[in-house]
Amino acid sequence: MRDYCIRPAGPDDLDGARAVMLDTVYRDFGSGYVPHWHRDIIDPAAAYLASDRHTLLVATTVGSGGGGRGREVVATAALDSRGPAHPPNPRHVAERYPCGTTAQLRRVYVRPEHRRRGLARRMVAELLAFAVADGGYRSVYLHTDPAVEGAEAFWRSLATVVHDEREEADGGQGVVHFDVPFDALLPAYFAPSPSPSPSPSIRSRTTGR
């Protein structure tokens, strides 16, 4: 089993993170880059590194130089405080998840050759720990494209469906909207602590808030 390092992204990781994201929207989604939807991919520093309430995680293959630093970025996962907008999302979904108090999970992408190794679950656990440590989030939300292989099943194993646009008369955008419990993964990934606590990498981003 290959070893990975999961940590908050720094400036030197952004090109690798951007490559993972762009490859995913072109290969898996088939949409390619759409400016209205994917501005954060082009400027992840502004979207995720500029605010203490946002984060971008990367998973890298572990290098031989020690210190836990990785070589290649093979997965990404992000969180921000921007709730789903209406339009294009349904009005009731946007009203249920307002900006500021909603932690929206974004860009949970893993390169195909590194999938089925638990990376996505580990990264989501870190994001949930970050949301808990922030103290200002009241809910965790995400939406996914069920046409992407494995995406719907993965999120259904962790979260509750709040709206499936495929059930609308016109099919909507075809995406599925989820509510994620704060403790969906924390007990498993941060045991044996009696109560969930952020990992050291996440805690370092929130100290002093």
N, C-alpha and C. Protein backbone atom coordinates (compact mmCIF):
# COMPACT_ATOMS: atom_id res chain seq x y z
N MET A 1 0.86 -1.19 0.00
CA MET A 1 0.00 0.00 0.00
C MET A 1 0.89 1.24 0.00
N ARG A 2 0.65 2.14 -0.92
CA ARG A 2 1.41 3.37 -0.99
C ARG A 2 1.08 4.27 0.19
N ASP A 3 2.10 5.00 0.67
CA ASP A 3 1.88 5.97 1.75
C ASP A 3 1.54 7.33 1.17
N TYR A 4 0.70 8.06 1.91
CA TYR A 4 0.29 9.39 1.49
C TYR A 4 0.43 10.36 2.65
N CYS A 5 0.62 11.61 2.30
CA CYS A 5 0.61 12.69 3.28
C CYS A 5 -0.59 13.58 2.97
N ILE A 6 -1.46 13.77 3.96
CA ILE A 6 -2.62 14.65 3.81
C ILE A 6 -2.38 15.87 4.67
N ARG A 7 -2.46 17.06 4.09
CA ARG A 7 -2.15 18.29 4.82
C ARG A 7 -2.81 19.49 4.15
N PRO A 8 -2.91 20.60 4.87
CA PRO A 8 -3.38 21.84 4.24
C PRO A 8 -2.44 22.25 3.12
N ALA A 9 -2.99 22.69 2.02
CA ALA A 9 -2.18 23.10 0.87
C ALA A 9 -1.43 24.39 1.18
N GLY A 10 -0.23 24.47 0.67
CA GLY A 10 0.54 25.69 0.69
C GLY A 10 0.71 26.21 -0.72
N PRO A 11 1.34 27.37 -0.89
CA PRO A 11 1.51 27.94 -2.24
C PRO A 11 2.17 26.98 -3.22
N ASP A 12 3.12 26.17 -2.74
CA ASP A 12 3.83 25.27 -3.65
C ASP A 12 2.97 24.10 -4.12
N ASP A 13 1.83 23.90 -3.47
CA ASP A 13 0.95 22.78 -3.84
C ASP A 13 -0.12 23.17 -4.86
N LEU A 14 -0.27 24.47 -5.13
CA LEU A 14 -1.44 24.91 -5.88
C LEU A 14 -1.43 24.46 -7.33
N ASP A 15 -0.28 24.42 -7.97
CA ASP A 15 -0.26 23.95 -9.36
C ASP A 15 -0.68 22.49 -9.44
N GLY A 16 -0.19 21.67 -8.51
CA GLY A 16 -0.58 20.26 -8.50
C GLY A 16 -2.04 20.08 -8.20
N ALA A 17 -2.57 20.86 -7.24
CA ALA A 17 -3.99 20.78 -6.90
C ALA A 17 -4.85 21.20 -8.09
N ARG A 18 -4.45 22.27 -8.75
CA ARG A 18 -5.19 22.75 -9.91
C ARG A 18 -5.23 21.70 -11.02
N ALA A 19 -4.12 21.00 -11.21
CA ALA A 19 -4.06 19.96 -12.24
C ALA A 19 -5.02 18.82 -11.93
N VAL A 20 -5.09 18.40 -10.65
CA VAL A 20 -6.04 17.35 -10.27
C VAL A 20 -7.47 17.81 -10.54
N MET A 21 -7.79 19.03 -10.16
CA MET A 21 -9.15 19.54 -10.33
C MET A 21 -9.52 19.66 -11.81
N LEU A 22 -8.64 20.24 -12.60
CA LEU A 22 -8.94 20.41 -14.02
C LEU A 22 -9.07 19.07 -14.73
N ASP A 23 -8.19 18.14 -14.42
CA ASP A 23 -8.29 16.81 -15.04
C ASP A 23 -9.63 16.17 -14.69
N THR A 24 -10.11 16.40 -13.47
CA THR A 24 -11.38 15.79 -13.04
C THR A 24 -12.56 16.40 -13.78
N VAL A 25 -12.61 17.72 -13.91
CA VAL A 25 -13.78 18.32 -14.56
C VAL A 25 -13.79 18.03 -16.06
N TYR A 26 -12.61 17.83 -16.64
CA TYR A 26 -12.58 17.49 -18.05
C TYR A 26 -12.86 16.00 -18.28
N ARG A 27 -12.20 15.14 -17.49
CA ARG A 27 -12.29 13.70 -17.73
C ARG A 27 -13.54 13.08 -17.11
N ASP A 28 -13.80 13.36 -15.83
CA ASP A 28 -14.90 12.70 -15.14
C ASP A 28 -16.24 13.39 -15.36
N PHE A 29 -16.24 14.73 -15.31
CA PHE A 29 -17.49 15.46 -15.46
C PHE A 29 -17.86 15.67 -16.92
N GLY A 30 -16.86 15.78 -17.78
CA GLY A 30 -17.12 16.01 -19.19
C GLY A 30 -17.53 17.43 -19.53
N SER A 31 -17.54 18.31 -18.52
CA SER A 31 -17.96 19.69 -18.76
C SER A 31 -16.80 20.58 -19.19
N GLY A 32 -15.59 20.19 -18.79
CA GLY A 32 -14.46 21.09 -18.98
C GLY A 32 -14.56 22.27 -18.04
N TYR A 33 -13.67 23.20 -18.20
CA TYR A 33 -13.64 24.38 -17.34
C TYR A 33 -14.77 25.33 -17.71
N VAL A 34 -15.62 25.65 -16.73
CA VAL A 34 -16.71 26.61 -16.91
C VAL A 34 -16.48 27.74 -15.91
N PRO A 35 -16.16 28.95 -16.38
CA PRO A 35 -15.78 30.03 -15.47
C PRO A 35 -16.76 30.26 -14.32
N HIS A 36 -18.06 30.21 -14.60
CA HIS A 36 -19.05 30.50 -13.55
C HIS A 36 -19.01 29.47 -12.43
N TRP A 37 -18.67 28.22 -12.77
CA TRP A 37 -18.67 27.14 -11.79
C TRP A 37 -17.30 26.90 -11.16
N HIS A 38 -16.25 27.21 -11.88
CA HIS A 38 -14.92 26.71 -11.51
C HIS A 38 -13.88 27.80 -11.25
N ARG A 39 -14.33 29.00 -10.85
CA ARG A 39 -13.36 30.07 -10.58
C ARG A 39 -12.36 29.67 -9.49
N ASP A 40 -12.83 28.91 -8.51
CA ASP A 40 -11.94 28.52 -7.42
C ASP A 40 -10.82 27.61 -7.89
N ILE A 41 -11.04 26.88 -8.98
CA ILE A 41 -9.99 26.01 -9.50
C ILE A 41 -8.85 26.85 -10.06
N ILE A 42 -9.18 27.92 -10.75
CA ILE A 42 -8.14 28.76 -11.34
C ILE A 42 -7.39 29.55 -10.28
N ASP A 43 -8.10 29.99 -9.24
CA ASP A 43 -7.45 30.77 -8.19
C ASP A 43 -7.75 30.16 -6.82
N PRO A 44 -7.19 28.98 -6.54
CA PRO A 44 -7.47 28.34 -5.25
C PRO A 44 -6.92 29.11 -4.06
N ALA A 45 -5.88 29.91 -4.28
CA ALA A 45 -5.34 30.70 -3.16
C ALA A 45 -6.37 31.68 -2.65
N ALA A 46 -7.04 32.39 -3.55
CA ALA A 46 -8.06 33.34 -3.13
C ALA A 46 -9.27 32.63 -2.56
N ALA A 47 -9.63 31.49 -3.12
CA ALA A 47 -10.84 30.78 -2.69
C ALA A 47 -10.67 30.10 -1.35
N TYR A 48 -9.49 29.57 -1.08
CA TYR A 48 -9.35 28.70 0.08
C TYR A 48 -8.23 29.07 1.06
N LEU A 49 -7.20 29.76 0.59
CA LEU A 49 -6.08 30.06 1.48
C LEU A 49 -6.17 31.43 2.12
N ALA A 50 -6.98 32.32 1.55
CA ALA A 50 -7.03 33.70 2.03
C ALA A 50 -7.86 33.86 3.29
N SER A 51 -8.76 32.92 3.58
CA SER A 51 -9.65 33.02 4.75
C SER A 51 -9.33 31.91 5.74
N ASP A 52 -9.27 32.24 7.02
CA ASP A 52 -9.04 31.23 8.05
C ASP A 52 -10.21 30.27 8.18
N ARG A 53 -11.38 30.64 7.64
CA ARG A 53 -12.55 29.77 7.72
C ARG A 53 -12.65 28.80 6.55
N HIS A 54 -11.74 28.92 5.60
CA HIS A 54 -11.71 28.05 4.44
C HIS A 54 -10.44 27.22 4.47
N THR A 55 -10.48 26.09 3.80
CA THR A 55 -9.26 25.29 3.71
C THR A 55 -9.25 24.48 2.43
N LEU A 56 -8.05 24.19 1.97
CA LEU A 56 -7.83 23.28 0.84
C LEU A 56 -6.82 22.25 1.31
N LEU A 57 -7.22 20.98 1.24
CA LEU A 57 -6.31 19.90 1.59
C LEU A 57 -5.77 19.25 0.33
N VAL A 58 -4.55 18.76 0.43
CA VAL A 58 -3.99 17.95 -0.65
C VAL A 58 -3.49 16.64 -0.07
N ALA A 59 -3.58 15.60 -0.87
CA ALA A 59 -2.93 14.33 -0.55
C ALA A 59 -1.80 14.16 -1.54
N THR A 60 -0.63 13.90 -1.01
CA THR A 60 0.54 13.73 -1.87
C THR A 60 1.18 12.38 -1.60
N THR A 61 1.85 11.87 -2.60
CA THR A 61 2.66 10.68 -2.37
C THR A 61 3.83 11.09 -1.50
N VAL A 62 4.23 10.22 -0.61
CA VAL A 62 5.29 10.55 0.34
C VAL A 62 6.64 10.46 -0.35
N GLY A 63 7.40 11.54 -0.24
CA GLY A 63 8.73 11.59 -0.84
C GLY A 63 9.76 10.91 0.02
N SER A 64 10.95 10.80 -0.49
CA SER A 64 12.03 10.13 0.22
C SER A 64 12.86 11.08 1.05
N GLY A 65 12.52 12.38 1.03
CA GLY A 65 13.35 13.36 1.72
C GLY A 65 13.03 13.50 3.19
N GLY A 66 12.02 12.76 3.71
CA GLY A 66 11.69 12.85 5.12
C GLY A 66 10.79 14.03 5.40
N GLY A 67 10.41 14.17 6.65
CA GLY A 67 9.58 15.29 7.06
C GLY A 67 8.13 15.16 6.65
N GLY A 68 7.77 14.01 6.07
CA GLY A 68 6.38 13.80 5.68
C GLY A 68 5.95 14.61 4.48
N ARG A 69 6.88 15.28 3.82
CA ARG A 69 6.49 16.07 2.66
C ARG A 69 6.30 15.16 1.46
N GLY A 70 5.35 15.51 0.65
CA GLY A 70 5.03 14.67 -0.47
C GLY A 70 5.62 15.17 -1.77
N ARG A 71 5.51 14.34 -2.76
CA ARG A 71 6.00 14.69 -4.09
C ARG A 71 4.87 15.16 -4.99
N GLU A 72 4.01 14.21 -5.37
CA GLU A 72 2.95 14.50 -6.35
C GLU A 72 1.61 14.67 -5.66
N VAL A 73 0.88 15.73 -6.03
CA VAL A 73 -0.49 15.90 -5.53
C VAL A 73 -1.40 14.95 -6.29
N VAL A 74 -2.07 14.05 -5.54
CA VAL A 74 -2.91 13.05 -6.18
C VAL A 74 -4.38 13.18 -5.79
N ALA A 75 -4.70 14.06 -4.83
CA ALA A 75 -6.09 14.24 -4.41
C ALA A 75 -6.24 15.61 -3.76
N THR A 76 -7.47 16.12 -3.82
CA THR A 76 -7.78 17.41 -3.22
C THR A 76 -9.09 17.30 -2.46
N ALA A 77 -9.29 18.21 -1.53
CA ALA A 77 -10.57 18.33 -0.82
C ALA A 77 -10.60 19.73 -0.21
N ALA A 78 -11.72 20.42 -0.35
CA ALA A 78 -11.80 21.81 0.09
C ALA A 78 -13.08 22.06 0.87
N LEU A 79 -13.05 23.16 1.62
CA LEU A 79 -14.22 23.60 2.39
C LEU A 79 -14.25 25.11 2.38
N ASP A 80 -15.44 25.67 2.19
CA ASP A 80 -15.59 27.11 2.33
C ASP A 80 -16.92 27.43 2.97
N SER A 81 -17.13 28.71 3.26
CA SER A 81 -18.34 29.14 3.98
C SER A 81 -19.41 29.67 3.05
N ARG A 82 -19.28 29.39 1.77
CA ARG A 82 -20.26 29.86 0.80
C ARG A 82 -21.32 28.78 0.59
N GLY A 83 -22.54 29.07 0.97
CA GLY A 83 -23.62 28.11 0.77
C GLY A 83 -23.99 28.01 -0.70
N PRO A 84 -24.83 27.04 -1.05
CA PRO A 84 -25.26 26.88 -2.45
C PRO A 84 -26.12 28.06 -2.89
N ALA A 85 -25.82 28.57 -4.05
CA ALA A 85 -26.54 29.74 -4.56
C ALA A 85 -27.79 29.32 -5.33
N HIS A 86 -28.81 30.19 -5.29
CA HIS A 86 -30.01 30.01 -6.11
C HIS A 86 -30.17 31.24 -6.99
N PRO A 87 -30.33 31.03 -8.34
CA PRO A 87 -30.03 29.79 -9.05
C PRO A 87 -28.50 29.56 -9.10
N PRO A 88 -28.06 28.40 -9.54
CA PRO A 88 -28.80 27.32 -10.22
C PRO A 88 -29.40 26.28 -9.28
N ASN A 89 -29.05 26.32 -8.00
CA ASN A 89 -29.56 25.31 -7.07
C ASN A 89 -31.00 25.64 -6.66
N PRO A 90 -31.77 24.65 -6.24
CA PRO A 90 -33.14 24.92 -5.82
C PRO A 90 -33.20 25.93 -4.68
N ARG A 91 -34.24 26.75 -4.67
CA ARG A 91 -34.37 27.80 -3.67
C ARG A 91 -34.37 27.22 -2.25
N HIS A 92 -35.11 26.14 -2.05
CA HIS A 92 -35.21 25.61 -0.68
C HIS A 92 -33.88 25.08 -0.17
N VAL A 93 -33.03 24.61 -1.08
CA VAL A 93 -31.70 24.15 -0.68
C VAL A 93 -30.84 25.35 -0.28
N ALA A 94 -30.88 26.41 -1.08
CA ALA A 94 -30.11 27.61 -0.77
C ALA A 94 -30.56 28.23 0.56
N GLU A 95 -31.85 28.22 0.82
CA GLU A 95 -32.36 28.80 2.07
C GLU A 95 -31.98 27.94 3.28
N ARG A 96 -31.90 26.65 3.08
CA ARG A 96 -31.55 25.75 4.19
C ARG A 96 -30.07 25.87 4.55
N TYR A 97 -29.23 26.24 3.58
CA TYR A 97 -27.78 26.29 3.80
C TYR A 97 -27.24 27.68 3.48
N PRO A 98 -27.45 28.64 4.36
CA PRO A 98 -27.01 30.01 4.09
C PRO A 98 -25.50 30.17 4.19
N CYS A 99 -25.00 31.17 3.49
CA CYS A 99 -23.58 31.50 3.59
C CYS A 99 -23.24 31.91 5.01
N GLY A 100 -22.03 31.62 5.40
CA GLY A 100 -21.55 32.02 6.71
C GLY A 100 -21.66 30.96 7.76
N THR A 101 -22.80 30.25 7.79
CA THR A 101 -22.97 29.19 8.78
C THR A 101 -22.95 27.80 8.16
N THR A 102 -22.77 27.76 6.84
CA THR A 102 -22.71 26.47 6.14
C THR A 102 -21.27 26.19 5.71
N ALA A 103 -20.78 25.03 6.07
CA ALA A 103 -19.50 24.55 5.56
C ALA A 103 -19.80 23.72 4.32
N GLN A 104 -19.42 24.24 3.17
CA GLN A 104 -19.67 23.49 1.93
C GLN A 104 -18.40 22.72 1.54
N LEU A 105 -18.53 21.42 1.36
CA LEU A 105 -17.43 20.59 0.92
C LEU A 105 -17.33 20.68 -0.60
N ARG A 106 -16.13 20.87 -1.06
CA ARG A 106 -15.91 21.05 -2.50
C ARG A 106 -14.66 20.29 -2.95
N ARG A 107 -14.61 20.00 -4.23
CA ARG A 107 -13.42 19.50 -4.91
C ARG A 107 -12.80 18.29 -4.22
N VAL A 108 -13.65 17.36 -3.77
CA VAL A 108 -13.13 16.11 -3.21
C VAL A 108 -12.84 15.19 -4.40
N TYR A 109 -11.64 15.32 -4.92
CA TYR A 109 -11.24 14.65 -6.15
C TYR A 109 -10.00 13.80 -5.90
N VAL A 110 -10.00 12.59 -6.42
CA VAL A 110 -8.85 11.69 -6.31
C VAL A 110 -8.52 11.17 -7.71
N ARG A 111 -7.26 11.22 -8.05
CA ARG A 111 -6.87 10.69 -9.35
C ARG A 111 -7.22 9.21 -9.44
N PRO A 112 -7.67 8.73 -10.62
CA PRO A 112 -8.18 7.36 -10.74
C PRO A 112 -7.24 6.29 -10.21
N GLU A 113 -5.94 6.43 -10.46
CA GLU A 113 -5.00 5.40 -10.06
C GLU A 113 -4.75 5.37 -8.55
N HIS A 114 -5.30 6.34 -7.82
CA HIS A 114 -5.13 6.39 -6.37
C HIS A 114 -6.45 6.20 -5.62
N ARG A 115 -7.50 5.83 -6.33
CA ARG A 115 -8.79 5.62 -5.70
C ARG A 115 -8.87 4.26 -5.01
N ARG A 116 -9.91 4.12 -4.17
CA ARG A 116 -10.16 2.89 -3.41
C ARG A 116 -9.03 2.59 -2.43
N ARG A 117 -8.42 3.63 -1.91
CA ARG A 117 -7.38 3.47 -0.89
C ARG A 117 -7.73 4.27 0.37
N GLY A 118 -8.98 4.75 0.44
CA GLY A 118 -9.42 5.47 1.63
C GLY A 118 -9.05 6.93 1.68
N LEU A 119 -8.48 7.46 0.61
CA LEU A 119 -8.05 8.86 0.63
C LEU A 119 -9.22 9.82 0.80
N ALA A 120 -10.30 9.61 0.06
CA ALA A 120 -11.43 10.54 0.14
C ALA A 120 -12.00 10.56 1.55
N ARG A 121 -12.16 9.40 2.17
CA ARG A 121 -12.70 9.37 3.53
C ARG A 121 -11.78 10.06 4.52
N ARG A 122 -10.50 9.84 4.40
CA ARG A 122 -9.56 10.49 5.29
C ARG A 122 -9.60 12.00 5.14
N MET A 123 -9.71 12.46 3.91
CA MET A 123 -9.72 13.90 3.67
C MET A 123 -11.03 14.54 4.14
N VAL A 124 -12.15 13.84 3.93
CA VAL A 124 -13.42 14.36 4.43
C VAL A 124 -13.39 14.42 5.95
N ALA A 125 -12.80 13.44 6.60
CA ALA A 125 -12.68 13.47 8.06
C ALA A 125 -11.91 14.71 8.50
N GLU A 126 -10.86 15.05 7.79
CA GLU A 126 -10.09 16.26 8.12
C GLU A 126 -10.93 17.52 7.92
N LEU A 127 -11.71 17.55 6.85
CA LEU A 127 -12.57 18.71 6.62
C LEU A 127 -13.62 18.86 7.71
N LEU A 128 -14.21 17.76 8.14
CA LEU A 128 -15.20 17.82 9.21
C LEU A 128 -14.55 18.29 10.52
N ALA A 129 -13.33 17.84 10.78
CA ALA A 129 -12.62 18.31 11.97
C ALA A 129 -12.38 19.82 11.89
N PHE A 130 -12.05 20.29 10.72
CA PHE A 130 -11.83 21.73 10.51
C PHE A 130 -13.12 22.49 10.79
N ALA A 131 -14.25 21.98 10.28
CA ALA A 131 -15.54 22.66 10.48
C ALA A 131 -15.91 22.70 11.96
N VAL A 132 -15.66 21.60 12.68
CA VAL A 132 -15.94 21.58 14.11
C VAL A 132 -15.07 22.59 14.84
N ALA A 133 -13.79 22.62 14.52
CA ALA A 133 -12.86 23.53 15.21
C ALA A 133 -13.19 24.99 14.94
N ASP A 134 -13.76 25.29 13.79
CA ASP A 134 -14.12 26.67 13.47
C ASP A 134 -15.12 27.23 14.47
N GLY A 135 -16.09 26.45 14.85
CA GLY A 135 -17.06 26.86 15.85
C GLY A 135 -18.23 27.67 15.33
N GLY A 136 -18.15 28.14 14.09
CA GLY A 136 -19.21 28.97 13.56
C GLY A 136 -20.11 28.29 12.56
N TYR A 137 -19.78 27.07 12.20
CA TYR A 137 -20.59 26.36 11.22
C TYR A 137 -21.71 25.59 11.91
N ARG A 138 -22.89 25.65 11.31
CA ARG A 138 -24.06 24.98 11.86
C ARG A 138 -24.48 23.78 11.03
N SER A 139 -23.96 23.66 9.83
CA SER A 139 -24.30 22.52 8.97
C SER A 139 -23.18 22.31 7.96
N VAL A 140 -23.15 21.10 7.40
CA VAL A 140 -22.17 20.76 6.36
C VAL A 140 -22.96 20.27 5.15
N TYR A 141 -22.66 20.83 4.00
CA TYR A 141 -23.43 20.58 2.78
C TYR A 141 -22.49 20.25 1.63
N LEU A 142 -23.01 19.47 0.68
CA LEU A 142 -22.31 19.29 -0.60
C LEU A 142 -23.32 18.82 -1.63
N HIS A 143 -22.95 18.97 -2.88
CA HIS A 143 -23.73 18.34 -3.93
C HIS A 143 -22.77 17.58 -4.84
N THR A 144 -23.28 16.57 -5.50
CA THR A 144 -22.44 15.76 -6.35
C THR A 144 -23.17 15.38 -7.63
N ASP A 145 -22.40 15.08 -8.65
CA ASP A 145 -22.94 14.62 -9.92
C ASP A 145 -22.98 13.10 -9.90
N PRO A 146 -24.16 12.49 -9.85
CA PRO A 146 -24.24 11.03 -9.76
C PRO A 146 -23.74 10.32 -11.00
N ALA A 147 -23.51 11.07 -12.09
CA ALA A 147 -22.98 10.44 -13.29
C ALA A 147 -21.52 10.05 -13.13
N VAL A 148 -20.83 10.63 -12.14
CA VAL A 148 -19.43 10.30 -11.89
C VAL A 148 -19.37 8.97 -11.15
N GLU A 149 -18.62 8.04 -11.66
CA GLU A 149 -18.56 6.70 -11.10
C GLU A 149 -18.17 6.72 -9.62
N GLY A 150 -18.99 6.11 -8.80
CA GLY A 150 -18.69 5.97 -7.39
C GLY A 150 -19.06 7.15 -6.51
N ALA A 151 -19.35 8.31 -7.10
CA ALA A 151 -19.56 9.52 -6.30
C ALA A 151 -20.82 9.42 -5.45
N GLU A 152 -21.93 9.04 -6.05
CA GLU A 152 -23.18 9.00 -5.30
C GLU A 152 -23.12 7.97 -4.18
N ALA A 153 -22.59 6.80 -4.46
CA ALA A 153 -22.51 5.76 -3.43
C ALA A 153 -21.61 6.19 -2.28
N PHE A 154 -20.52 6.86 -2.60
CA PHE A 154 -19.61 7.33 -1.54
C PHE A 154 -20.33 8.30 -0.61
N TRP A 155 -20.99 9.29 -1.16
CA TRP A 155 -21.64 10.29 -0.31
C TRP A 155 -22.85 9.73 0.40
N ARG A 156 -23.57 8.81 -0.21
CA ARG A 156 -24.70 8.19 0.49
C ARG A 156 -24.24 7.37 1.70
N SER A 157 -23.00 6.90 1.67
CA SER A 157 -22.48 6.13 2.80
C SER A 157 -22.15 7.03 3.99
N LEU A 158 -22.08 8.34 3.77
CA LEU A 158 -21.71 9.28 4.83
C LEU A 158 -22.81 10.26 5.19
N ALA A 159 -23.67 10.57 4.24
CA ALA A 159 -24.55 11.73 4.37
C ALA A 159 -26.00 11.37 4.05
N THR A 160 -26.88 12.37 4.23
CA THR A 160 -28.30 12.20 3.97
C THR A 160 -28.70 13.04 2.77
N VAL A 161 -29.43 12.45 1.86
CA VAL A 161 -29.91 13.19 0.69
C VAL A 161 -30.99 14.17 1.13
N VAL A 162 -30.83 15.44 0.76
CA VAL A 162 -31.87 16.43 1.05
C VAL A 162 -32.64 16.82 -0.21
N HIS A 163 -32.05 16.56 -1.38
CA HIS A 163 -32.78 16.82 -2.62
C HIS A 163 -32.06 16.12 -3.76
N ASP A 164 -32.83 15.39 -4.55
CA ASP A 164 -32.30 14.70 -5.73
C ASP A 164 -32.97 15.34 -6.94
N GLU A 165 -32.20 16.10 -7.71
CA GLU A 165 -32.79 16.84 -8.83
C GLU A 165 -33.28 15.94 -9.94
N ARG A 166 -32.84 14.70 -9.94
CA ARG A 166 -33.34 13.77 -10.96
C ARG A 166 -34.82 13.47 -10.78
N GLU A 167 -35.34 13.76 -9.59
CA GLU A 167 -36.76 13.52 -9.33
C GLU A 167 -37.63 14.70 -9.75
N GLU A 168 -37.03 15.81 -10.16
CA GLU A 168 -37.81 16.95 -10.64
C GLU A 168 -38.38 16.63 -12.01
N ALA A 169 -39.44 17.32 -12.36
CA ALA A 169 -40.11 17.05 -13.63
C ALA A 169 -39.18 17.18 -14.83
N ASP A 170 -38.30 18.20 -14.77
CA ASP A 170 -37.39 18.41 -15.89
C ASP A 170 -35.99 17.86 -15.63
N GLY A 171 -35.81 17.20 -14.51
CA GLY A 171 -34.50 16.62 -14.20
C GLY A 171 -33.51 17.59 -13.60
N GLY A 172 -33.88 18.88 -13.54
CA GLY A 172 -32.99 19.89 -12.98
C GLY A 172 -31.60 19.82 -13.59
N GLN A 173 -30.59 19.97 -12.72
CA GLN A 173 -29.20 19.83 -13.17
C GLN A 173 -28.73 18.39 -13.08
N GLY A 174 -29.60 17.53 -12.52
CA GLY A 174 -29.23 16.13 -12.38
C GLY A 174 -28.34 15.84 -11.21
N VAL A 175 -28.12 16.82 -10.31
CA VAL A 175 -27.22 16.62 -9.18
C VAL A 175 -28.00 16.22 -7.94
N VAL A 176 -27.27 15.67 -6.95
CA VAL A 176 -27.86 15.25 -5.69
C VAL A 176 -27.24 16.10 -4.57
N HIS A 177 -28.10 16.63 -3.70
CA HIS A 177 -27.68 17.51 -2.61
C HIS A 177 -27.69 16.74 -1.30
N PHE A 178 -26.65 16.90 -0.49
CA PHE A 178 -26.47 16.11 0.72
C PHE A 178 -26.25 17.00 1.94
N ASP A 179 -26.73 16.50 3.08
CA ASP A 179 -26.40 17.05 4.39
C ASP A 179 -25.47 16.06 5.07
N VAL A 180 -24.32 16.56 5.54
CA VAL A 180 -23.30 15.69 6.13
C VAL A 180 -23.26 15.91 7.64
N PRO A 181 -23.45 14.89 8.44
CA PRO A 181 -23.32 15.07 9.89
C PRO A 181 -21.89 15.44 10.27
N PHE A 182 -21.74 16.30 11.24
CA PHE A 182 -20.40 16.67 11.69
C PHE A 182 -19.61 15.45 12.16
N ASP A 183 -20.32 14.47 12.72
CA ASP A 183 -19.63 13.30 13.27
C ASP A 183 -19.65 12.11 12.32
N ALA A 184 -19.85 12.36 11.03
CA ALA A 184 -19.96 11.26 10.08
C ALA A 184 -18.72 10.37 10.07
N LEU A 185 -17.55 10.96 10.28
CA LEU A 185 -16.31 10.20 10.24
C LEU A 185 -15.40 10.45 11.43
N LEU A 186 -15.70 11.49 12.21
CA LEU A 186 -14.76 11.86 13.27
C LEU A 186 -14.50 10.74 14.26
N PRO A 187 -15.50 10.03 14.77
CA PRO A 187 -15.21 9.00 15.77
C PRO A 187 -14.25 7.94 15.24
N ALA A 188 -14.44 7.52 14.00
CA ALA A 188 -13.60 6.47 13.45
C ALA A 188 -12.18 6.93 13.20
N TYR A 189 -12.03 8.18 12.79
CA TYR A 189 -10.72 8.63 12.36
C TYR A 189 -9.93 9.34 13.46
N PHE A 190 -10.59 9.70 14.55
CA PHE A 190 -9.88 10.39 15.61
C PHE A 190 -9.98 9.67 16.95
N ALA A 191 -10.46 8.41 16.95
CA ALA A 191 -10.42 7.60 18.17
C ALA A 191 -8.95 7.34 18.52
N PRO A 192 -8.61 7.13 19.82
CA PRO A 192 -9.51 6.84 20.93
C PRO A 192 -9.86 8.04 21.78
N SER A 193 -9.73 9.25 21.25
CA SER A 193 -10.10 10.42 22.04
C SER A 193 -11.55 10.31 22.46
N PRO A 194 -11.91 10.70 23.69
CA PRO A 194 -13.30 10.58 24.15
C PRO A 194 -14.25 11.47 23.38
N SER A 195 -13.74 12.56 22.83
CA SER A 195 -14.56 13.41 21.98
C SER A 195 -13.75 13.78 20.77
N PRO A 196 -14.41 13.99 19.59
CA PRO A 196 -13.67 14.28 18.37
C PRO A 196 -12.81 15.52 18.53
N SER A 197 -11.61 15.47 18.00
CA SER A 197 -10.72 16.63 18.02
C SER A 197 -9.99 16.69 16.71
N PRO A 198 -9.62 17.88 16.25
CA PRO A 198 -8.94 18.00 14.96
C PRO A 198 -7.59 17.34 14.99
N SER A 199 -7.15 16.86 13.83
CA SER A 199 -5.81 16.33 13.72
C SER A 199 -4.82 17.47 13.84
N PRO A 200 -3.53 17.18 14.12
CA PRO A 200 -2.55 18.26 14.27
C PRO A 200 -2.48 19.19 13.08
N SER A 201 -2.59 18.62 11.84
CA SER A 201 -2.46 19.48 10.68
C SER A 201 -3.60 20.48 10.59
N ILE A 202 -4.82 20.04 10.97
CA ILE A 202 -5.96 20.93 10.93
C ILE A 202 -5.92 21.90 12.10
N ARG A 203 -5.55 21.39 13.30
CA ARG A 203 -5.53 22.25 14.45
C ARG A 203 -4.58 23.43 14.25
N SER A 204 -3.50 23.20 13.53
CA SER A 204 -2.53 24.27 13.33
C SER A 204 -3.10 25.41 12.52
N ARG A 205 -4.12 25.12 11.71
CA ARG A 205 -4.72 26.16 10.89
C ARG A 205 -5.74 26.97 11.67
N THR A 206 -6.18 26.48 12.83
CA THR A 206 -7.27 27.15 13.53
C THR A 206 -6.86 27.69 14.89
N THR A 207 -5.63 27.48 15.31
CA THR A 207 -5.17 27.98 16.61
C THR A 207 -5.29 29.49 16.65
N GLY A 208 -5.84 30.00 17.75
CA GLY A 208 -5.93 31.44 17.94
C GLY A 208 -7.16 32.07 17.35
N ARG A 209 -8.04 31.23 16.77
CA ARG A 209 -9.27 31.81 16.22
C ARG A 209 -10.19 32.20 17.34
